[in-house]
Amino acid sequence: MSVVITLRVHAIQLNDLFGVGVLDHNEYEVVNSEVVSVRRNERLLAVMYRKPQQQTDAFFHSLDRAGQDHVVDHVTGRKHGN
């Protein structure tokens, strides 16, 4: 069974991720340059998979604040609201 998780990159505010050091300038530009949202999502996730835990946690926190907690739940296996 395949699960589709919708990630809204624009909701995360890439500027916030750049501002707190989760994305460097090059990563920000690469992700932000994608016009098609699916490709933007893929690029952002590919970048995040290479990040250390502290930056990954900041990314998850940004997802939570943007109402994308279901993505965090799916990726981390946590129960919603925990």
Protein backbone atom coordinates (compact mmCIF):
# COMPACT_ATOMS: atom_id res chain seq x y z
CA MET A 1 0.00 0.00 0.00
CA SER A 2 1.38 3.37 -1.01
CA VAL A 3 0.86 6.50 1.08
CA VAL A 4 0.85 9.95 -0.48
CA ILE A 5 1.92 12.76 1.82
CA THR A 6 1.32 16.31 0.69
CA LEU A 7 4.09 18.76 1.55
CA ARG A 8 3.41 22.43 0.91
CA VAL A 9 6.88 23.97 0.63
CA HIS A 10 5.51 27.49 0.32
CA ALA A 11 3.80 27.04 3.70
CA ILE A 12 7.11 26.24 5.37
CA GLN A 13 8.55 29.60 4.38
CA LEU A 14 11.86 28.81 2.78
CA ASN A 15 13.06 32.22 3.95
CA ASP A 16 12.64 31.05 7.55
CA LEU A 17 14.68 27.90 6.88
CA PHE A 18 17.39 30.01 5.28
CA GLY A 19 17.25 32.58 8.06
CA VAL A 20 17.83 30.05 10.83
CA GLY A 21 20.62 28.30 8.94
CA VAL A 22 18.77 25.13 7.97
CA LEU A 23 19.32 25.94 4.28
CA ASP A 24 22.42 27.61 2.96
CA HIS A 25 22.19 30.12 0.11
CA ASN A 26 22.82 27.54 -2.62
CA GLU A 27 20.28 25.09 -1.20
CA TYR A 28 17.71 27.87 -0.88
CA GLU A 29 18.24 28.91 -4.49
CA VAL A 30 18.03 25.34 -5.81
CA VAL A 31 14.79 24.58 -3.94
CA ASN A 32 13.22 27.97 -4.61
CA SER A 33 14.02 27.83 -8.34
CA GLU A 34 11.69 24.89 -8.90
CA VAL A 35 8.43 26.04 -10.45
CA VAL A 36 6.56 22.76 -10.14
CA SER A 37 5.59 22.15 -6.52
CA VAL A 38 6.24 18.40 -6.65
CA ARG A 39 9.81 19.01 -7.81
CA ARG A 40 10.26 21.69 -5.14
CA ASN A 41 9.11 19.21 -2.51
CA GLU A 42 11.49 16.56 -3.81
CA ARG A 43 14.42 18.98 -3.82
CA LEU A 44 13.73 20.16 -0.29
CA LEU A 45 13.40 16.63 1.06
CA ALA A 46 16.58 15.56 -0.74
CA VAL A 47 18.44 18.43 0.93
CA MET A 48 16.94 17.68 4.34
CA TYR A 49 17.93 14.00 4.22
CA ARG A 50 21.58 15.10 4.23
CA LYS A 51 21.25 17.44 7.21
CA PRO A 52 22.38 16.79 10.79
CA GLN A 53 19.75 16.11 13.45
CA GLN A 54 19.64 19.68 14.80
CA GLN A 55 18.77 21.11 11.38
CA THR A 56 16.30 18.30 10.72
CA ASP A 57 14.58 19.13 14.02
CA ALA A 58 14.37 22.80 13.00
CA PHE A 59 12.83 21.71 9.68
CA PHE A 60 10.26 19.55 11.49
CA HIS A 61 9.46 22.47 13.79
CA SER A 62 8.87 24.66 10.73
CA LEU A 63 6.56 22.01 9.32
CA ASP A 64 4.62 21.89 12.59
CA ARG A 65 4.25 25.69 12.66
CA ALA A 66 3.05 25.66 9.05
CA GLY A 67 0.30 23.13 9.77
CA GLN A 68 2.24 20.34 8.08
CA ASP A 69 2.53 18.20 11.19
CA HIS A 70 1.09 15.21 9.30
CA VAL A 71 4.31 15.15 7.27
CA VAL A 72 6.41 15.07 10.44
CA ASP A 73 4.18 12.34 11.85
CA HIS A 74 4.66 10.24 8.73
CA VAL A 75 8.42 10.75 8.45
CA THR A 76 9.20 10.27 12.14
CA GLY A 77 6.48 7.78 13.04
CA ARG A 78 5.30 9.96 15.90
CA LYS A 79 1.65 10.04 16.86
CA HIS A 80 -0.14 13.29 15.98
CA GLY A 81 0.16 15.84 18.73
CA ASN A 82 3.10 14.16 20.53
